Amino acid sequence: MGKFTQMTTFVEVVARGSLSAAARAEGIAPAMIGRRLDALEARLGVKLLQRTTRKLVLTDEGVAFLEDCQRILGDLDDAEAAVSERSARATGHLMVSAPAGFGRQHVAPLLPSFLAEHRDVTVNLNLNDRVVDVLGEGVDVAIRIASLSDSNLVAVKLADNRRVVVASPLYLKRHGRPQQPADLARHNCLAISSEGSQRGWTFLDDGAPVTIKVGGNMVCNDGAVLHAWALAGKGLAWRSMWEVGEQIASGALTTVLDEFAAPGNDIHAVFAQRRHLPLRIRAFVDFLRRSYAQPEYWRQNG
């Protein structure tokens, strides 16, 4: 059994999440996939995957070996593409992860246009608000709206992300405008909850970020619901411009406390470090960056 076959099988199993899924993709029996992995681990003398009937978990050695395999296979793909007439075309399957709200509003609607430009690419879009394990879950590109600290990943900034406090004109007419963050204690604040706890709102106080615990009669773990409540005049909400920009432009929502707004966590595309990225990943990241760089995009889709 060739080293190359074992390596590609290992990468495919991790990407698809199970031996049976990898076997179906290759058109062989799952037992054959299992024998390849056993032979690979025996040859290396280490355990790469902890396998149960329910899931696969990479060991520390497996994570490191996966990165090396992806780089080697990527190099091979690039070498073949360089000498073939397909080199100018992006090909293959793309696994993309994005936060649920942002993905629904600003990734999913763009995919048809991207695929129309790259007809030899297929995409699996996974919308999930948890931080996915890019290496362990076989994700090609993850969209993240947060500070980034994983040195094993490359981050490409796609767009700015500013957060603002908004309310409907009706709410502000009835309850007045807060003039400083301390005034929020007298307002109904529609806050997002996460894992049973309520998140605070962050502002700048003399140039330093300060997080304020706000209160109100409604909380929710879904930002889209808070957005709808704010539009309905139920209170103040702290939302990203990518979500409320269109309603601000139309006058359906009004921003307050703008002079205290803290810098937002920018929108990034992150992917595993590789010397040569597959063309499909480069093409997808470039497509998103070009789309978001157009000012009219945010006016029409905010």
Protein backbone atom coordinates (compact mmCIF):
# COMPACT_ATOMS: atom_id res chain seq x y z
CA MET A 1 0.00 0.00 0.00
CA GLY A 2 1.55 3.30 -1.10
CA LYS A 3 2.37 6.11 1.26
CA PHE A 4 0.50 8.54 -0.97
CA THR A 5 -2.71 6.48 -0.78
CA GLN A 6 -2.48 6.29 3.00
CA MET A 7 -1.90 10.02 3.26
CA THR A 8 -4.80 10.98 1.00
CA THR A 9 -7.08 8.55 2.82
CA PHE A 10 -6.17 10.09 6.17
CA VAL A 11 -6.89 13.64 4.94
CA GLU A 12 -10.16 12.54 3.32
CA VAL A 13 -11.39 10.79 6.46
CA VAL A 14 -10.73 13.89 8.59
CA ALA A 15 -12.37 16.19 6.02
CA ARG A 16 -15.52 14.05 5.73
CA GLY A 17 -15.76 13.16 9.41
CA SER A 18 -16.06 9.38 9.15
CA LEU A 19 -14.60 6.29 7.52
CA SER A 20 -17.92 5.46 5.88
CA ALA A 21 -18.23 8.91 4.28
CA ALA A 22 -14.68 8.69 2.91
CA ALA A 23 -15.40 5.18 1.63
CA ARG A 24 -18.56 6.33 -0.16
CA ALA A 25 -16.64 9.19 -1.81
CA GLU A 26 -14.04 6.75 -3.10
CA GLY A 27 -16.50 3.96 -3.94
CA ILE A 28 -14.87 1.32 -1.73
CA ALA A 29 -15.76 -0.56 1.47
CA PRO A 30 -15.24 1.21 4.84
CA ALA A 31 -13.10 -1.73 5.91
CA MET A 32 -10.57 -0.83 3.21
CA ILE A 33 -10.38 2.72 4.57
CA GLY A 34 -9.83 1.33 8.05
CA ARG A 35 -7.01 -0.93 6.86
CA ARG A 36 -5.26 2.01 5.21
CA LEU A 37 -5.41 4.04 8.41
CA ASP A 38 -4.21 1.09 10.47
CA ALA A 39 -1.28 0.59 8.11
CA LEU A 40 -0.42 4.29 8.23
CA GLU A 41 -0.43 4.40 12.03
CA ALA A 42 1.59 1.18 12.21
CA ARG A 43 4.18 2.55 9.79
CA LEU A 44 4.47 5.85 11.71
CA GLY A 45 4.34 4.21 15.12
CA VAL A 46 1.82 6.75 16.47
CA LYS A 47 -1.93 7.01 16.92
CA LEU A 48 -3.36 9.66 14.60
CA LEU A 49 -7.09 9.24 15.25
CA GLN A 50 -9.12 8.11 18.22
CA ARG A 51 -11.97 6.22 16.57
CA THR A 52 -15.33 5.35 18.13
CA THR A 53 -18.63 4.36 16.57
CA ARG A 54 -19.82 7.98 16.89
CA LYS A 55 -16.92 10.24 16.04
CA LEU A 56 -13.28 10.68 15.13
CA VAL A 57 -10.91 12.76 17.26
CA LEU A 58 -7.45 13.77 16.10
CA THR A 59 -4.59 13.17 18.52
CA ASP A 60 -1.91 15.85 18.92
CA GLU A 61 0.25 13.85 16.53
CA GLY A 62 -2.70 13.61 14.15
CA VAL A 63 -3.20 17.39 14.10
CA ALA A 64 0.46 17.97 13.25
CA PHE A 65 0.52 15.23 10.61
CA LEU A 66 -2.72 16.50 9.05
CA GLU A 67 -1.21 19.94 8.53
CA ASP A 68 1.87 18.40 6.88
CA CYS A 69 -0.27 16.14 4.68
CA GLN A 70 -2.46 19.05 3.58
CA ARG A 71 0.62 21.07 2.70
CA ILE A 72 2.18 18.19 0.75
CA LEU A 73 -1.01 17.40 -1.11
CA GLY A 74 -1.53 21.10 -1.78
CA ASP A 75 1.96 21.32 -3.22
CA LEU A 76 1.21 18.34 -5.44
CA ASP A 77 -2.05 19.90 -6.60
CA ASP A 78 -0.24 23.12 -7.43
CA ALA A 79 2.50 21.27 -9.31
CA GLU A 80 -0.01 19.36 -11.40
CA ALA A 81 -2.07 22.47 -12.06
CA ALA A 82 1.00 24.35 -13.23
CA VAL A 83 1.58 21.89 -16.09
CA SER A 84 -2.03 21.26 -17.04
CA GLU A 85 -4.52 23.25 -19.05
CA ARG A 86 -6.74 23.36 -15.96
CA SER A 87 -4.29 25.59 -14.13
CA ALA A 88 -6.36 28.70 -14.79
CA ARG A 89 -9.49 27.20 -13.23
CA ALA A 90 -10.39 26.66 -9.60
CA THR A 91 -11.61 23.12 -9.02
CA GLY A 92 -12.67 20.85 -6.19
CA HIS A 93 -14.85 20.93 -3.07
CA LEU A 94 -14.80 23.86 -0.64
CA MET A 95 -15.80 23.49 3.01
CA VAL A 96 -16.85 26.91 4.40
CA SER A 97 -17.90 27.78 7.94
CA ALA A 98 -19.51 31.07 9.02
CA PRO A 99 -21.44 32.51 11.98
CA ALA A 100 -25.13 31.81 11.49
CA GLY A 101 -26.47 35.37 11.20
CA PHE A 102 -23.61 36.75 9.13
CA GLY A 103 -23.52 33.63 6.97
CA ARG A 104 -27.22 33.81 6.16
CA GLN A 105 -27.03 37.49 5.27
CA HIS A 106 -23.58 37.94 3.73
CA VAL A 107 -22.14 34.58 2.65
CA ALA A 108 -25.00 32.41 1.41
CA PRO A 109 -26.44 35.06 -0.97
CA LEU A 110 -23.01 35.49 -2.62
CA LEU A 111 -22.36 31.81 -3.28
CA PRO A 112 -24.41 31.55 -6.51
CA SER A 113 -22.36 34.37 -8.08
CA PHE A 114 -19.09 32.80 -6.93
CA LEU A 115 -20.07 29.40 -8.34
CA ALA A 116 -21.16 31.00 -11.61
CA GLU A 117 -17.59 32.31 -11.96
CA HIS A 118 -16.02 28.99 -10.88
CA ARG A 119 -18.14 26.22 -12.36
CA ASP A 120 -15.74 23.43 -11.35
CA VAL A 121 -16.04 24.23 -7.62
CA THR A 122 -18.66 22.87 -5.22
CA VAL A 123 -19.34 24.38 -1.78
CA ASN A 124 -20.58 23.06 1.55
CA LEU A 125 -21.59 26.01 3.75
CA ASN A 126 -21.90 25.29 7.48
CA LEU A 127 -23.57 28.01 9.58
CA ASN A 128 -22.73 27.71 13.25
CA ASP A 129 -22.06 30.26 15.98
CA ARG A 130 -19.44 28.14 17.73
CA VAL A 131 -15.75 28.56 16.84
CA VAL A 132 -15.00 25.61 14.58
CA ASP A 133 -11.72 23.69 14.65
CA VAL A 134 -10.46 24.51 11.16
CA LEU A 135 -7.80 21.80 11.12
CA GLY A 136 -9.66 19.12 13.02
CA GLU A 137 -12.95 19.52 11.16
CA GLY A 138 -11.54 19.76 7.66
CA VAL A 139 -12.75 23.34 7.09
CA ASP A 140 -11.12 25.10 4.14
CA VAL A 141 -12.26 28.64 5.03
CA ALA A 142 -13.87 29.89 8.24
CA ILE A 143 -15.42 33.36 8.50
CA ARG A 144 -14.80 34.83 11.93
CA ILE A 145 -15.87 38.08 13.56
CA ALA A 146 -13.55 38.11 16.53
CA SER A 147 -10.01 38.73 17.65
CA LEU A 148 -7.72 36.01 16.35
CA SER A 149 -5.01 34.25 18.33
CA ASP A 150 -4.48 30.82 16.71
CA SER A 151 -0.98 30.89 15.24
CA ASN A 152 -1.75 27.79 13.16
CA LEU A 153 -4.19 29.79 11.04
CA VAL A 154 -3.79 32.52 8.46
CA ALA A 155 -6.26 35.42 8.68
CA VAL A 156 -7.24 37.70 5.82
CA LYS A 157 -9.31 40.76 6.68
CA LEU A 158 -12.47 40.93 4.60
CA ALA A 159 -14.18 44.01 6.02
CA ASP A 160 -14.47 46.34 8.99
CA ASN A 161 -17.05 45.57 11.62
CA ARG A 162 -18.38 48.45 13.73
CA ARG A 163 -20.92 47.90 16.48
CA VAL A 164 -23.53 50.54 17.28
CA VAL A 165 -26.40 51.04 19.70
CA VAL A 166 -29.65 51.40 17.79
CA ALA A 167 -33.30 52.02 18.52
CA SER A 168 -36.39 52.84 16.52
CA PRO A 169 -37.48 56.51 16.28
CA LEU A 170 -40.67 55.49 18.13
CA TYR A 171 -38.72 54.16 21.12
CA LEU A 172 -36.51 57.28 21.28
CA LYS A 173 -39.57 59.54 21.06
CA ARG A 174 -41.14 57.77 24.03
CA HIS A 175 -38.06 57.29 26.21
CA GLY A 176 -35.49 59.85 25.05
CA ARG A 177 -31.93 59.41 23.81
CA PRO A 178 -29.16 58.21 26.14
CA GLN A 179 -26.37 60.78 26.22
CA GLN A 180 -23.68 58.61 27.78
CA PRO A 181 -23.29 54.88 28.52
CA ALA A 182 -24.35 55.34 32.17
CA ASP A 183 -27.79 56.43 30.90
CA LEU A 184 -28.42 52.88 29.67
CA ALA A 185 -29.37 51.94 33.24
CA ARG A 186 -32.62 53.89 32.67
CA HIS A 187 -33.41 52.23 29.32
CA ASN A 188 -34.79 48.89 28.21
CA CYS A 189 -31.76 47.18 26.66
CA LEU A 190 -32.31 44.17 24.43
CA ALA A 191 -29.27 42.04 25.23
CA ILE A 192 -28.02 38.81 23.77
CA SER A 193 -27.53 35.84 26.08
CA SER A 194 -24.94 33.12 25.64
CA GLU A 195 -24.87 29.81 27.50
CA GLY A 196 -27.20 31.17 30.17
CA SER A 197 -25.32 34.42 30.84
CA GLN A 198 -25.96 37.88 29.45
CA ARG A 199 -23.20 39.62 27.53
CA GLY A 200 -22.23 43.22 28.27
CA TRP A 201 -21.93 46.11 25.81
CA THR A 202 -18.49 47.61 25.21
CA PHE A 203 -17.80 51.34 24.89
CA LEU A 204 -14.81 53.67 24.99
CA ASP A 205 -14.25 55.66 28.20
CA ASP A 206 -11.38 58.15 27.84
CA GLY A 207 -10.00 55.98 25.04
CA ALA A 208 -10.13 52.72 27.01
CA PRO A 209 -12.70 49.97 26.37
CA VAL A 210 -15.24 49.47 29.17
CA THR A 211 -17.89 46.74 29.23
CA ILE A 212 -21.23 47.67 30.78
CA LYS A 213 -23.77 45.16 32.01
CA VAL A 214 -27.13 46.31 30.68
CA GLY A 215 -30.61 45.27 31.68
CA GLY A 216 -34.03 44.94 30.13
CA ASN A 217 -37.17 42.88 30.11
CA MET A 218 -36.16 40.69 27.13
CA VAL A 219 -32.99 38.80 26.28
CA CYS A 220 -32.37 36.28 23.52
CA ASN A 221 -29.53 34.12 22.19
CA ASP A 222 -30.38 35.04 18.59
CA GLY A 223 -29.23 38.41 17.25
CA ALA A 224 -31.89 38.41 14.53
CA VAL A 225 -34.59 38.41 17.22
CA LEU A 226 -32.98 41.39 18.99
CA HIS A 227 -32.85 43.17 15.65
CA ALA A 228 -36.57 42.58 15.11
CA TRP A 229 -37.41 43.75 18.64
CA ALA A 230 -35.45 46.95 18.12
CA LEU A 231 -37.29 47.61 14.85
CA ALA A 232 -40.57 47.08 16.69
CA GLY A 233 -39.66 49.78 19.22
CA LYS A 234 -39.15 47.48 22.19
CA GLY A 235 -35.79 48.87 23.30
CA LEU A 236 -32.15 49.60 22.53
CA ALA A 237 -29.93 46.97 20.88
CA TRP A 238 -26.16 46.75 20.36
CA ARG A 239 -25.70 45.38 16.86
CA SER A 240 -23.10 45.17 14.10
CA MET A 241 -23.32 47.54 11.15
CA TRP A 242 -23.41 44.57 8.77
CA GLU A 243 -26.77 43.69 10.30
CA VAL A 244 -28.45 47.10 10.73
CA GLY A 245 -26.81 49.33 8.11
CA GLU A 246 -29.76 49.20 5.73
CA GLN A 247 -32.29 50.09 8.45
CA ILE A 248 -30.11 52.99 9.62
CA ALA A 249 -29.90 54.31 6.06
CA SER A 250 -33.69 54.05 5.65
CA GLY A 251 -34.43 55.69 9.01
CA ALA A 252 -36.09 52.61 10.51
CA LEU A 253 -33.35 52.58 13.17
CA THR A 254 -31.32 55.41 14.68
CA THR A 255 -27.88 55.15 16.27
CA VAL A 256 -27.10 56.60 19.70
CA LEU A 257 -23.90 56.95 21.75
CA ASP A 258 -21.82 57.02 18.56
CA GLU A 259 -19.07 59.07 20.21
CA PHE A 260 -18.52 56.21 22.70
CA ALA A 261 -18.42 53.41 20.14
CA ALA A 262 -15.56 50.95 20.69
CA PRO A 263 -13.59 49.47 17.80
CA GLY A 264 -15.27 46.36 16.46
CA ASN A 265 -13.84 42.95 15.80
CA ASP A 266 -13.16 42.93 12.07
CA ILE A 267 -14.48 40.27 9.70
CA HIS A 268 -11.80 37.77 8.67
CA ALA A 269 -11.42 34.69 6.53
CA VAL A 270 -9.17 32.17 8.26
CA PHE A 271 -7.60 29.01 6.89
CA ALA A 272 -4.78 26.61 7.67
CA GLN A 273 -1.23 27.72 7.00
CA ARG A 274 -0.03 26.36 3.66
CA ARG A 275 2.85 27.30 1.43
CA HIS A 276 0.59 26.96 -1.62
CA LEU A 277 -3.15 27.48 -1.17
CA PRO A 278 -5.48 25.59 -3.50
CA LEU A 279 -6.82 27.96 -6.11
CA ARG A 280 -10.41 27.41 -4.95
CA ILE A 281 -9.56 28.85 -1.50
CA ARG A 282 -7.72 31.84 -2.92
CA ALA A 283 -10.54 32.48 -5.38
CA PHE A 284 -13.23 32.32 -2.70
CA VAL A 285 -11.42 34.62 -0.25
CA ASP A 286 -10.65 37.11 -3.03
CA PHE A 287 -14.29 37.00 -4.16
CA LEU A 288 -15.57 37.85 -0.67
CA ARG A 289 -13.00 40.59 -0.20
CA ARG A 290 -13.92 42.20 -3.55
CA SER A 291 -17.64 41.97 -2.79
CA TYR A 292 -17.34 43.51 0.68
CA ALA A 293 -14.99 46.25 -0.57
CA GLN A 294 -17.79 47.78 -2.66
CA PRO A 295 -19.51 50.55 -0.66
CA GLU A 296 -22.81 49.89 -2.42
CA TYR A 297 -22.77 46.30 -1.16
CA TRP A 298 -23.27 47.36 2.46
CA ARG A 299 -25.87 49.98 1.54
CA GLN A 300 -27.91 47.31 -0.21
CA ASN A 301 -27.28 44.41 2.15
CA GLY A 302 -26.65 45.93 5.58
